[in-house]
Protein backbone atom coordinates (compact mmCIF):
# COMPACT_ATOMS: atom_id res chain seq x y z
CA UNK A 1 0.00 0.00 0.00
CA UNK A 2 1.46 3.36 -1.03
CA UNK A 3 2.21 6.05 1.50
CA UNK A 4 -0.22 8.99 1.53
CA UNK A 5 0.96 12.18 -0.15
CA UNK A 6 1.65 14.74 2.57
CA UNK A 7 2.66 18.39 2.54
CA UNK A 8 3.76 20.86 5.18
CA UNK A 9 1.09 23.55 5.32
CA UNK A 10 1.24 26.93 7.05
CA UNK A 11 -2.39 27.87 6.47
CA UNK A 12 -5.46 27.38 4.31
CA UNK A 13 -7.80 30.35 4.16
CA UNK A 14 -10.53 32.03 2.14
CA UNK A 15 -10.05 35.66 1.16
CA UNK A 16 -10.08 38.09 -1.75
CA UNK A 17 -7.26 37.69 -4.23
CA UNK A 18 -5.00 40.67 -3.63
CA UNK A 19 -2.95 40.53 -6.82
CA UNK A 20 -2.83 39.23 -10.41
CA UNK A 21 -5.59 39.32 -13.02
CA UNK A 22 -8.13 37.82 -10.60
CA UNK A 23 -7.62 40.57 -8.02
CA UNK A 24 -10.71 41.07 -5.88
CA UNK A 25 -12.22 37.65 -6.55
CA UNK A 26 -12.95 35.26 -3.64
CA UNK A 27 -10.14 32.71 -3.59
CA UNK A 28 -9.00 29.82 -1.42
CA UNK A 29 -5.30 30.05 -0.58
CA UNK A 30 -3.14 27.06 0.31
CA UNK A 31 0.09 28.35 1.81
CA UNK A 32 2.91 25.81 1.83
CA UNK A 33 5.71 26.07 4.36
CA UNK A 34 9.35 26.70 3.49
CA UNK A 35 11.33 28.87 1.08
CA UNK A 36 14.97 28.79 -0.05
CA UNK A 37 14.94 32.54 -0.77
CA UNK A 38 15.15 35.47 1.63
CA UNK A 39 13.84 38.51 -0.24
CA UNK A 40 14.38 41.68 1.79
CA UNK A 41 10.73 42.75 1.45
CA UNK A 42 9.19 39.33 2.19
CA UNK A 43 5.83 39.67 3.94
CA UNK A 44 5.34 35.97 4.70
CA UNK A 45 8.46 35.11 6.69
CA UNK A 46 6.16 33.29 9.11
CA UNK A 47 5.88 30.60 6.42
CA UNK A 48 9.63 29.89 6.35
CA UNK A 49 9.40 27.31 9.13
CA UNK A 50 6.85 25.45 11.22
CA UNK A 51 3.64 24.43 9.54
CA UNK A 52 1.79 21.14 9.90
CA UNK A 53 2.20 17.96 7.87
CA UNK A 54 -1.20 17.22 6.32
CA UNK A 55 -2.36 14.43 4.01
CA UNK A 56 -3.25 15.72 0.58
CA UNK A 57 -6.76 14.29 0.85
CA UNK A 58 -7.33 16.36 3.98
CA UNK A 59 -6.14 19.45 2.14
CA UNK A 60 -8.53 18.74 -0.73
CA UNK A 61 -11.40 18.18 1.69
CA UNK A 62 -10.81 21.48 3.48
CA UNK A 63 -10.44 23.41 0.23
CA UNK A 64 -13.64 21.84 -1.11
CA UNK A 65 -15.70 23.13 1.81
CA UNK A 66 -15.44 26.61 0.29
CA UNK A 67 -16.72 25.44 -3.12
CA UNK A 68 -14.03 27.60 -4.71
CA UNK A 69 -13.95 28.95 -8.24
CA UNK A 70 -10.38 30.13 -7.68
CA UNK A 71 -7.56 28.43 -5.76
CA UNK A 72 -4.06 29.80 -5.28
CA UNK A 73 -1.15 27.69 -4.05
CA UNK A 74 1.43 29.98 -2.51
CA UNK A 75 4.18 30.07 0.10
CA UNK A 76 6.94 30.43 0.99
CA UNK A 77 8.02 28.77 -2.20
CA UNK A 78 5.51 25.99 -2.96
CA UNK A 79 7.78 24.14 -5.40
CA UNK A 80 10.34 23.62 -2.64
CA UNK A 81 8.09 20.72 -1.63
CA UNK A 82 8.09 18.02 -4.33
CA UNK A 83 4.54 17.02 -3.43
CA UNK A 84 3.35 20.44 -4.56
CA UNK A 85 3.13 19.01 -8.09
CA UNK A 86 0.59 16.26 -7.33
CA UNK A 87 -1.33 18.71 -5.14
CA UNK A 88 -1.70 21.13 -8.05
CA UNK A 89 -2.99 18.37 -10.29
CA UNK A 90 -5.43 17.14 -7.65
CA UNK A 91 -6.78 20.67 -7.17
CA UNK A 92 -7.31 20.98 -10.93
CA UNK A 93 -9.23 17.69 -10.84
CA UNK A 94 -11.80 18.95 -8.33
CA UNK A 95 -15.40 18.97 -9.56
CA UNK A 96 -16.51 21.51 -10.61
CA UNK A 97 -13.08 22.43 -11.92
CA UNK A 98 -11.68 25.61 -10.35
CA UNK A 99 -9.04 27.90 -11.80
CA UNK A 100 -5.84 26.95 -9.99
CA UNK A 101 -2.86 29.29 -9.85
CA UNK A 102 0.65 28.85 -8.50
CA UNK A 103 2.62 31.74 -7.02
CA UNK A 104 6.30 30.87 -7.40
CA UNK A 105 9.55 32.77 -7.07
CA UNK A 106 10.84 31.60 -10.43
CA UNK A 107 13.94 30.19 -8.76
CA UNK A 108 12.79 26.57 -9.14
CA UNK A 109 11.89 24.54 -12.22
CA UNK A 110 8.27 24.98 -13.38
CA UNK A 111 8.45 22.59 -16.34
CA UNK A 112 6.56 19.79 -14.55
CA UNK A 113 3.67 21.96 -13.33
CA UNK A 114 0.29 20.74 -14.59
CA UNK A 115 -0.46 22.73 -17.77
CA UNK A 116 -3.92 23.62 -16.44
CA UNK A 117 -2.33 25.68 -13.66
CA UNK A 118 -1.84 29.43 -14.11
CA UNK A 119 1.81 30.02 -13.29
CA UNK A 120 2.56 33.38 -11.65
CA UNK A 121 6.31 33.80 -11.93
CA UNK A 122 7.69 36.37 -9.48
CA UNK A 123 10.98 37.44 -11.06
CA UNK A 124 13.29 38.89 -8.43
CA UNK A 125 14.71 42.38 -8.93
CA UNK A 126 18.17 43.44 -7.70
CA UNK A 127 16.78 45.25 -4.64
CA UNK A 128 15.12 42.01 -3.49
CA UNK A 129 18.59 40.62 -2.80
CA UNK A 130 17.73 37.45 -4.74
CA UNK A 131 17.91 38.38 -8.43
CA UNK A 132 20.79 35.95 -8.89
CA UNK A 133 18.33 33.13 -8.16
CA UNK A 134 16.10 33.81 -11.17
CA UNK A 135 15.85 30.70 -13.33
CA UNK A 136 15.51 32.26 -16.77
CA UNK A 137 14.96 28.84 -18.36
CA UNK A 138 11.48 28.95 -16.84
CA UNK A 139 10.40 31.52 -19.42
CA UNK A 140 10.32 28.79 -22.05
CA UNK A 141 7.59 27.01 -20.07
CA UNK A 142 5.20 29.96 -19.86
CA UNK A 143 2.04 30.36 -21.92
CA UNK A 144 -0.15 33.41 -22.61
CA UNK A 145 -2.36 32.20 -19.75
CA UNK A 146 0.49 32.68 -17.27
CA UNK A 147 1.73 35.85 -15.59
CA UNK A 148 5.12 37.38 -14.81
CA UNK A 149 5.40 39.65 -11.79
CA UNK A 150 8.04 42.17 -10.77
CA UNK A 151 8.03 43.75 -7.31
CA UNK A 152 9.68 47.14 -7.85
CA UNK A 153 11.53 48.71 -4.92
CA UNK A 154 13.07 51.81 -6.51
CA UNK A 155 13.95 53.48 -9.80
CA UNK A 156 16.92 51.16 -10.38
CA UNK A 157 14.64 48.15 -10.01
CA UNK A 158 12.22 49.70 -12.48
CA UNK A 159 14.94 50.25 -15.07
CA UNK A 160 16.20 46.69 -14.58
CA UNK A 161 12.68 45.29 -15.01
CA UNK A 162 12.08 47.48 -18.06
CA UNK A 163 15.28 46.12 -19.62
CA UNK A 164 14.33 42.51 -18.88
CA UNK A 165 10.86 43.14 -20.33
CA UNK A 166 12.47 44.19 -23.60
CA UNK A 167 15.39 41.74 -23.57
CA UNK A 168 13.18 38.68 -23.16
CA UNK A 169 10.09 40.11 -24.92
CA UNK A 170 8.17 39.12 -21.84
CA UNK A 171 4.86 40.66 -22.88
CA UNK A 172 4.82 38.27 -25.85
CA UNK A 173 5.15 35.29 -23.50
CA UNK A 174 2.66 36.13 -20.75
CA UNK A 175 0.89 39.00 -19.02
CA UNK A 176 3.40 41.18 -17.16
CA UNK A 177 2.64 42.76 -13.80
CA UNK A 178 4.57 45.58 -12.12
CA UNK A 179 3.89 46.07 -8.42
CA UNK A 180 5.42 48.69 -6.08
CA UNK A 181 7.06 47.25 -2.99
CA UNK A 182 4.66 47.91 -0.11
CA UNK A 183 5.54 51.05 1.88
CA UNK A 184 8.82 51.31 -0.07
CA UNK A 185 7.91 52.78 -3.46
CA UNK A 186 4.91 55.11 -3.88
CA UNK A 187 2.45 53.63 -6.33
CA UNK A 188 2.02 56.99 -8.05
CA UNK A 189 5.72 57.04 -8.92
CA UNK A 190 5.58 53.61 -10.53
CA UNK A 191 2.42 54.56 -12.41
CA UNK A 192 4.09 57.68 -13.79
CA UNK A 193 7.13 55.73 -15.00
CA UNK A 194 4.98 53.10 -16.73
CA UNK A 195 2.92 55.76 -18.48
CA UNK A 196 5.96 57.80 -19.49
CA UNK A 197 7.62 54.76 -21.06
CA UNK A 198 4.34 53.34 -22.44
CA UNK A 199 5.18 49.90 -21.13
CA UNK A 200 2.91 46.97 -22.08
CA UNK A 201 2.42 45.94 -18.46
CA UNK A 202 -0.36 45.89 -15.89
CA UNK A 203 0.35 47.87 -12.73
CA UNK A 204 -1.10 46.38 -9.57
CA UNK A 205 -1.37 47.29 -5.92
CA UNK A 206 -1.76 44.67 -3.19
CA UNK A 207 -5.47 44.84 -2.41
CA UNK A 208 -5.20 42.67 0.69
CA UNK A 209 -2.65 45.04 2.22
CA UNK A 210 -4.81 48.06 1.48
CA UNK A 211 -7.67 46.31 3.28
CA UNK A 212 -5.93 44.45 6.11
CA UNK A 213 -2.25 45.42 6.23
CA UNK A 214 0.13 42.53 6.93
CA UNK A 215 -2.40 40.46 8.87
CA UNK A 216 -1.73 36.73 8.23
CA UNK A 217 -4.50 34.68 6.66
CA UNK A 218 -5.74 37.61 4.59
C-alpha atoms as a PDB file:
ATOM      1  CA  UNK A   1       0.000   0.000   0.000  1.00  0.00           C
ATOM      2  CA  UNK A   2       1.464   3.357  -1.034  1.00  0.00           C
ATOM      3  CA  UNK A   3       2.211   6.047   1.499  1.00  0.00           C
ATOM      4  CA  UNK A   4      -0.224   8.993   1.526  1.00  0.00           C
ATOM      5  CA  UNK A   5       0.957  12.182  -0.152  1.00  0.00           C
ATOM      6  CA  UNK A   6       1.645  14.735   2.570  1.00  0.00           C
ATOM      7  CA  UNK A   7       2.657  18.385   2.544  1.00  0.00           C
ATOM      8  CA  UNK A   8       3.763  20.861   5.182  1.00  0.00           C
ATOM      9  CA  UNK A   9       1.092  23.553   5.320  1.00  0.00           C
ATOM     10  CA  UNK A  10       1.242  26.931   7.051  1.00  0.00           C
ATOM     11  CA  UNK A  11      -2.389  27.875   6.468  1.00  0.00           C
ATOM     12  CA  UNK A  12      -5.459  27.377   4.310  1.00  0.00           C
ATOM     13  CA  UNK A  13      -7.795  30.348   4.158  1.00  0.00           C
ATOM     14  CA  UNK A  14     -10.526  32.034   2.136  1.00  0.00           C
ATOM     15  CA  UNK A  15     -10.053  35.663   1.156  1.00  0.00           C
ATOM     16  CA  UNK A  16     -10.075  38.092  -1.747  1.00  0.00           C
ATOM     17  CA  UNK A  17      -7.257  37.685  -4.226  1.00  0.00           C
ATOM     18  CA  UNK A  18      -5.002  40.674  -3.629  1.00  0.00           C
ATOM     19  CA  UNK A  19      -2.952  40.527  -6.825  1.00  0.00           C
ATOM     20  CA  UNK A  20      -2.831  39.227 -10.411  1.00  0.00           C
ATOM     21  CA  UNK A  21      -5.591  39.323 -13.017  1.00  0.00           C
ATOM     22  CA  UNK A  22      -8.127  37.815 -10.596  1.00  0.00           C
ATOM     23  CA  UNK A  23      -7.618  40.572  -8.019  1.00  0.00           C
ATOM     24  CA  UNK A  24     -10.712  41.070  -5.880  1.00  0.00           C
ATOM     25  CA  UNK A  25     -12.224  37.647  -6.549  1.00  0.00           C
ATOM     26  CA  UNK A  26     -12.950  35.261  -3.642  1.00  0.00           C
ATOM     27  CA  UNK A  27     -10.140  32.711  -3.590  1.00  0.00           C
ATOM     28  CA  UNK A  28      -8.997  29.816  -1.422  1.00  0.00           C
ATOM     29  CA  UNK A  29      -5.300  30.051  -0.579  1.00  0.00           C
ATOM     30  CA  UNK A  30      -3.141  27.060   0.310  1.00  0.00           C
ATOM     31  CA  UNK A  31       0.095  28.355   1.814  1.00  0.00           C
ATOM     32  CA  UNK A  32       2.909  25.809   1.825  1.00  0.00           C
ATOM     33  CA  UNK A  33       5.710  26.072   4.362  1.00  0.00           C
ATOM     34  CA  UNK A  34       9.350  26.697   3.489  1.00  0.00           C
ATOM     35  CA  UNK A  35      11.326  28.869   1.080  1.00  0.00           C
ATOM     36  CA  UNK A  36      14.969  28.792  -0.049  1.00  0.00           C
ATOM     37  CA  UNK A  37      14.943  32.543  -0.771  1.00  0.00           C
ATOM     38  CA  UNK A  38      15.151  35.471   1.625  1.00  0.00           C
ATOM     39  CA  UNK A  39      13.836  38.512  -0.236  1.00  0.00           C
ATOM     40  CA  UNK A  40      14.380  41.676   1.789  1.00  0.00           C
ATOM     41  CA  UNK A  41      10.731  42.747   1.454  1.00  0.00           C
ATOM     42  CA  UNK A  42       9.189  39.330   2.191  1.00  0.00           C
ATOM     43  CA  UNK A  43       5.835  39.667   3.945  1.00  0.00           C
ATOM     44  CA  UNK A  44       5.345  35.968   4.696  1.00  0.00           C
ATOM     45  CA  UNK A  45       8.459  35.111   6.690  1.00  0.00           C
ATOM     46  CA  UNK A  46       6.161  33.289   9.107  1.00  0.00           C
ATOM     47  CA  UNK A  47       5.880  30.600   6.416  1.00  0.00           C
ATOM     48  CA  UNK A  48       9.629  29.889   6.348  1.00  0.00           C
ATOM     49  CA  UNK A  49       9.395  27.310   9.132  1.00  0.00           C
ATOM     50  CA  UNK A  50       6.852  25.448  11.216  1.00  0.00           C
ATOM     51  CA  UNK A  51       3.638  24.432   9.544  1.00  0.00           C
ATOM     52  CA  UNK A  52       1.792  21.138   9.900  1.00  0.00           C
ATOM     53  CA  UNK A  53       2.197  17.956   7.865  1.00  0.00           C
ATOM     54  CA  UNK A  54      -1.201  17.221   6.321  1.00  0.00           C
ATOM     55  CA  UNK A  55      -2.356  14.433   4.013  1.00  0.00           C
ATOM     56  CA  UNK A  56      -3.254  15.718   0.577  1.00  0.00           C
ATOM     57  CA  UNK A  57      -6.761  14.287   0.847  1.00  0.00           C
ATOM     58  CA  UNK A  58      -7.329  16.363   3.982  1.00  0.00           C
ATOM     59  CA  UNK A  59      -6.141  19.452   2.135  1.00  0.00           C
ATOM     60  CA  UNK A  60      -8.532  18.739  -0.727  1.00  0.00           C
ATOM     61  CA  UNK A  61     -11.400  18.179   1.690  1.00  0.00           C
ATOM     62  CA  UNK A  62     -10.806  21.477   3.479  1.00  0.00           C
ATOM     63  CA  UNK A  63     -10.439  23.406   0.233  1.00  0.00           C
ATOM     64  CA  UNK A  64     -13.637  21.838  -1.114  1.00  0.00           C
ATOM     65  CA  UNK A  65     -15.699  23.130   1.813  1.00  0.00           C
ATOM     66  CA  UNK A  66     -15.437  26.614   0.292  1.00  0.00           C
ATOM     67  CA  UNK A  67     -16.718  25.441  -3.119  1.00  0.00           C
ATOM     68  CA  UNK A  68     -14.028  27.601  -4.714  1.00  0.00           C
ATOM     69  CA  UNK A  69     -13.953  28.955  -8.236  1.00  0.00           C
ATOM     70  CA  UNK A  70     -10.378  30.127  -7.675  1.00  0.00           C
ATOM     71  CA  UNK A  71      -7.563  28.431  -5.757  1.00  0.00           C
ATOM     72  CA  UNK A  72      -4.057  29.805  -5.276  1.00  0.00           C
ATOM     73  CA  UNK A  73      -1.154  27.687  -4.047  1.00  0.00           C
ATOM     74  CA  UNK A  74       1.429  29.977  -2.513  1.00  0.00           C
ATOM     75  CA  UNK A  75       4.179  30.074   0.098  1.00  0.00           C
ATOM     76  CA  UNK A  76       6.939  30.428   0.990  1.00  0.00           C
ATOM     77  CA  UNK A  77       8.016  28.768  -2.201  1.00  0.00           C
ATOM     78  CA  UNK A  78       5.513  25.988  -2.965  1.00  0.00           C
ATOM     79  CA  UNK A  79       7.779  24.144  -5.401  1.00  0.00           C
ATOM     80  CA  UNK A  80      10.344  23.621  -2.639  1.00  0.00           C
ATOM     81  CA  UNK A  81       8.088  20.724  -1.626  1.00  0.00           C
ATOM     82  CA  UNK A  82       8.087  18.020  -4.334  1.00  0.00           C
ATOM     83  CA  UNK A  83       4.535  17.024  -3.434  1.00  0.00           C
ATOM     84  CA  UNK A  84       3.350  20.436  -4.560  1.00  0.00           C
ATOM     85  CA  UNK A  85       3.134  19.014  -8.095  1.00  0.00           C
ATOM     86  CA  UNK A  86       0.589  16.262  -7.333  1.00  0.00           C
ATOM     87  CA  UNK A  87      -1.328  18.712  -5.139  1.00  0.00           C
ATOM     88  CA  UNK A  88      -1.696  21.135  -8.046  1.00  0.00           C
ATOM     89  CA  UNK A  89      -2.991  18.365 -10.295  1.00  0.00           C
ATOM     90  CA  UNK A  90      -5.427  17.141  -7.647  1.00  0.00           C
ATOM     91  CA  UNK A  91      -6.780  20.668  -7.174  1.00  0.00           C
ATOM     92  CA  UNK A  92      -7.311  20.977 -10.931  1.00  0.00           C
ATOM     93  CA  UNK A  93      -9.232  17.690 -10.841  1.00  0.00           C
ATOM     94  CA  UNK A  94     -11.804  18.954  -8.330  1.00  0.00           C
ATOM     95  CA  UNK A  95     -15.398  18.966  -9.564  1.00  0.00           C
ATOM     96  CA  UNK A  96     -16.509  21.506 -10.607  1.00  0.00           C
ATOM     97  CA  UNK A  97     -13.080  22.431 -11.915  1.00  0.00           C
ATOM     98  CA  UNK A  98     -11.678  25.613 -10.351  1.00  0.00           C
ATOM     99  CA  UNK A  99      -9.037  27.904 -11.799  1.00  0.00           C
ATOM    100  CA  UNK A 100      -5.838  26.947  -9.988  1.00  0.00           C
ATOM    101  CA  UNK A 101      -2.864  29.288  -9.845  1.00  0.00           C
ATOM    102  CA  UNK A 102       0.649  28.852  -8.499  1.00  0.00           C
ATOM    103  CA  UNK A 103       2.620  31.740  -7.018  1.00  0.00           C
ATOM    104  CA  UNK A 104       6.296  30.867  -7.404  1.00  0.00           C
ATOM    105  CA  UNK A 105       9.547  32.769  -7.075  1.00  0.00           C
ATOM    106  CA  UNK A 106      10.843  31.600 -10.427  1.00  0.00           C
ATOM    107  CA  UNK A 107      13.943  30.189  -8.764  1.00  0.00           C
ATOM    108  CA  UNK A 108      12.793  26.572  -9.145  1.00  0.00           C
ATOM    109  CA  UNK A 109      11.888  24.536 -12.223  1.00  0.00           C
ATOM    110  CA  UNK A 110       8.271  24.978 -13.381  1.00  0.00           C
ATOM    111  CA  UNK A 111       8.451  22.587 -16.336  1.00  0.00           C
ATOM    112  CA  UNK A 112       6.560  19.793 -14.547  1.00  0.00           C
ATOM    113  CA  UNK A 113       3.674  21.956 -13.326  1.00  0.00           C
ATOM    114  CA  UNK A 114       0.294  20.741 -14.586  1.00  0.00           C
ATOM    115  CA  UNK A 115      -0.461  22.729 -17.771  1.00  0.00           C
ATOM    116  CA  UNK A 116      -3.920  23.619 -16.439  1.00  0.00           C
ATOM    117  CA  UNK A 117      -2.327  25.683 -13.659  1.00  0.00           C
ATOM    118  CA  UNK A 118      -1.843  29.428 -14.115  1.00  0.00           C
ATOM    119  CA  UNK A 119       1.809  30.022 -13.286  1.00  0.00           C
ATOM    120  CA  UNK A 120       2.560  33.379 -11.655  1.00  0.00           C
ATOM    121  CA  UNK A 121       6.313  33.797 -11.929  1.00  0.00           C
ATOM    122  CA  UNK A 122       7.692  36.369  -9.484  1.00  0.00           C
ATOM    123  CA  UNK A 123      10.978  37.438 -11.056  1.00  0.00           C
ATOM    124  CA  UNK A 124      13.288  38.895  -8.435  1.00  0.00           C
ATOM    125  CA  UNK A 125      14.708  42.378  -8.929  1.00  0.00           C
ATOM    126  CA  UNK A 126      18.170  43.439  -7.696  1.00  0.00           C
ATOM    127  CA  UNK A 127      16.777  45.246  -4.638  1.00  0.00           C
ATOM    128  CA  UNK A 128      15.125  42.011  -3.489  1.00  0.00           C
ATOM    129  CA  UNK A 129      18.587  40.618  -2.798  1.00  0.00           C
ATOM    130  CA  UNK A 130      17.727  37.454  -4.735  1.00  0.00           C
ATOM    131  CA  UNK A 131      17.908  38.383  -8.426  1.00  0.00           C
ATOM    132  CA  UNK A 132      20.795  35.950  -8.891  1.00  0.00           C
ATOM    133  CA  UNK A 133      18.333  33.131  -8.156  1.00  0.00           C
ATOM    134  CA  UNK A 134      16.099  33.814 -11.167  1.00  0.00           C
ATOM    135  CA  UNK A 135      15.848  30.704 -13.334  1.00  0.00           C
ATOM    136  CA  UNK A 136      15.506  32.263 -16.767  1.00  0.00           C
ATOM    137  CA  UNK A 137      14.964  28.842 -18.356  1.00  0.00           C
ATOM    138  CA  UNK A 138      11.478  28.948 -16.839  1.00  0.00           C
ATOM    139  CA  UNK A 139      10.403  31.518 -19.417  1.00  0.00           C
ATOM    140  CA  UNK A 140      10.318  28.786 -22.054  1.00  0.00           C
ATOM    141  CA  UNK A 141       7.595  27.009 -20.070  1.00  0.00           C
ATOM    142  CA  UNK A 142       5.201  29.956 -19.858  1.00  0.00           C
ATOM    143  CA  UNK A 143       2.042  30.360 -21.918  1.00  0.00           C
ATOM    144  CA  UNK A 144      -0.149  33.405 -22.614  1.00  0.00           C
ATOM    145  CA  UNK A 145      -2.359  32.203 -19.750  1.00  0.00           C
ATOM    146  CA  UNK A 146       0.486  32.682 -17.265  1.00  0.00           C
ATOM    147  CA  UNK A 147       1.732  35.850 -15.588  1.00  0.00           C
ATOM    148  CA  UNK A 148       5.123  37.379 -14.814  1.00  0.00           C
ATOM    149  CA  UNK A 149       5.397  39.652 -11.790  1.00  0.00           C
ATOM    150  CA  UNK A 150       8.043  42.172 -10.771  1.00  0.00           C
ATOM    151  CA  UNK A 151       8.030  43.752  -7.311  1.00  0.00           C
ATOM    152  CA  UNK A 152       9.676  47.139  -7.853  1.00  0.00           C
ATOM    153  CA  UNK A 153      11.527  48.708  -4.918  1.00  0.00           C
ATOM    154  CA  UNK A 154      13.067  51.811  -6.513  1.00  0.00           C
ATOM    155  CA  UNK A 155      13.955  53.485  -9.804  1.00  0.00           C
ATOM    156  CA  UNK A 156      16.919  51.165 -10.379  1.00  0.00           C
ATOM    157  CA  UNK A 157      14.639  48.152 -10.007  1.00  0.00           C
ATOM    158  CA  UNK A 158      12.225  49.705 -12.482  1.00  0.00           C
ATOM    159  CA  UNK A 159      14.943  50.254 -15.071  1.00  0.00           C
ATOM    160  CA  UNK A 160      16.196  46.691 -14.584  1.00  0.00           C
ATOM    161  CA  UNK A 161      12.680  45.291 -15.007  1.00  0.00           C
ATOM    162  CA  UNK A 162      12.084  47.482 -18.059  1.00  0.00           C
ATOM    163  CA  UNK A 163      15.283  46.121 -19.618  1.00  0.00           C
ATOM    164  CA  UNK A 164      14.325  42.506 -18.880  1.00  0.00           C
ATOM    165  CA  UNK A 165      10.863  43.139 -20.329  1.00  0.00           C
ATOM    166  CA  UNK A 166      12.470  44.188 -23.603  1.00  0.00           C
ATOM    167  CA  UNK A 167      15.386  41.745 -23.571  1.00  0.00           C
ATOM    168  CA  UNK A 168      13.184  38.677 -23.164  1.00  0.00           C
ATOM    169  CA  UNK A 169      10.091  40.111 -24.916  1.00  0.00           C
ATOM    170  CA  UNK A 170       8.167  39.121 -21.836  1.00  0.00           C
ATOM    171  CA  UNK A 171       4.861  40.660 -22.876  1.00  0.00           C
ATOM    172  CA  UNK A 172       4.818  38.267 -25.845  1.00  0.00           C
ATOM    173  CA  UNK A 173       5.146  35.292 -23.499  1.00  0.00           C
ATOM    174  CA  UNK A 174       2.660  36.133 -20.747  1.00  0.00           C
ATOM    175  CA  UNK A 175       0.889  38.996 -19.019  1.00  0.00           C
ATOM    176  CA  UNK A 176       3.405  41.177 -17.163  1.00  0.00           C
ATOM    177  CA  UNK A 177       2.635  42.760 -13.796  1.00  0.00           C
ATOM    178  CA  UNK A 178       4.573  45.579 -12.119  1.00  0.00           C
ATOM    179  CA  UNK A 179       3.894  46.067  -8.418  1.00  0.00           C
ATOM    180  CA  UNK A 180       5.417  48.687  -6.081  1.00  0.00           C
ATOM    181  CA  UNK A 181       7.057  47.246  -2.994  1.00  0.00           C
ATOM    182  CA  UNK A 182       4.662  47.905  -0.114  1.00  0.00           C
ATOM    183  CA  UNK A 183       5.545  51.051   1.876  1.00  0.00           C
ATOM    184  CA  UNK A 184       8.821  51.313  -0.065  1.00  0.00           C
ATOM    185  CA  UNK A 185       7.906  52.780  -3.461  1.00  0.00           C
ATOM    186  CA  UNK A 186       4.910  55.113  -3.881  1.00  0.00           C
ATOM    187  CA  UNK A 187       2.449  53.630  -6.331  1.00  0.00           C
ATOM    188  CA  UNK A 188       2.022  56.989  -8.051  1.00  0.00           C
ATOM    189  CA  UNK A 189       5.723  57.039  -8.919  1.00  0.00           C
ATOM    190  CA  UNK A 190       5.584  53.611 -10.531  1.00  0.00           C
ATOM    191  CA  UNK A 191       2.418  54.555 -12.412  1.00  0.00           C
ATOM    192  CA  UNK A 192       4.090  57.685 -13.792  1.00  0.00           C
ATOM    193  CA  UNK A 193       7.132  55.733 -15.005  1.00  0.00           C
ATOM    194  CA  UNK A 194       4.982  53.105 -16.726  1.00  0.00           C
ATOM    195  CA  UNK A 195       2.920  55.759 -18.482  1.00  0.00           C
ATOM    196  CA  UNK A 196       5.962  57.796 -19.488  1.00  0.00           C
ATOM    197  CA  UNK A 197       7.616  54.758 -21.064  1.00  0.00           C
ATOM    198  CA  UNK A 198       4.342  53.343 -22.437  1.00  0.00           C
ATOM    199  CA  UNK A 199       5.177  49.901 -21.130  1.00  0.00           C
ATOM    200  CA  UNK A 200       2.908  46.967 -22.082  1.00  0.00           C
ATOM    201  CA  UNK A 201       2.419  45.941 -18.456  1.00  0.00           C
ATOM    202  CA  UNK A 202      -0.358  45.894 -15.888  1.00  0.00           C
ATOM    203  CA  UNK A 203       0.346  47.866 -12.728  1.00  0.00           C
ATOM    204  CA  UNK A 204      -1.104  46.377  -9.574  1.00  0.00           C
ATOM    205  CA  UNK A 205      -1.372  47.288  -5.921  1.00  0.00           C
ATOM    206  CA  UNK A 206      -1.764  44.673  -3.194  1.00  0.00           C
ATOM    207  CA  UNK A 207      -5.471  44.843  -2.409  1.00  0.00           C
ATOM    208  CA  UNK A 208      -5.199  42.665   0.693  1.00  0.00           C
ATOM    209  CA  UNK A 209      -2.649  45.041   2.218  1.00  0.00           C
ATOM    210  CA  UNK A 210      -4.807  48.059   1.479  1.00  0.00           C
ATOM    211  CA  UNK A 211      -7.670  46.307   3.280  1.00  0.00           C
ATOM    212  CA  UNK A 212      -5.933  44.447   6.113  1.00  0.00           C
ATOM    213  CA  UNK A 213      -2.251  45.420   6.226  1.00  0.00           C
ATOM    214  CA  UNK A 214       0.129  42.531   6.931  1.00  0.00           C
ATOM    215  CA  UNK A 215      -2.403  40.456   8.874  1.00  0.00           C
ATOM    216  CA  UNK A 216      -1.730  36.726   8.231  1.00  0.00           C
ATOM    217  CA  UNK A 217      -4.495  34.685   6.664  1.00  0.00           C
ATOM    218  CA  UNK A 218      -5.738  37.607   4.591  1.00  0.00           C
END
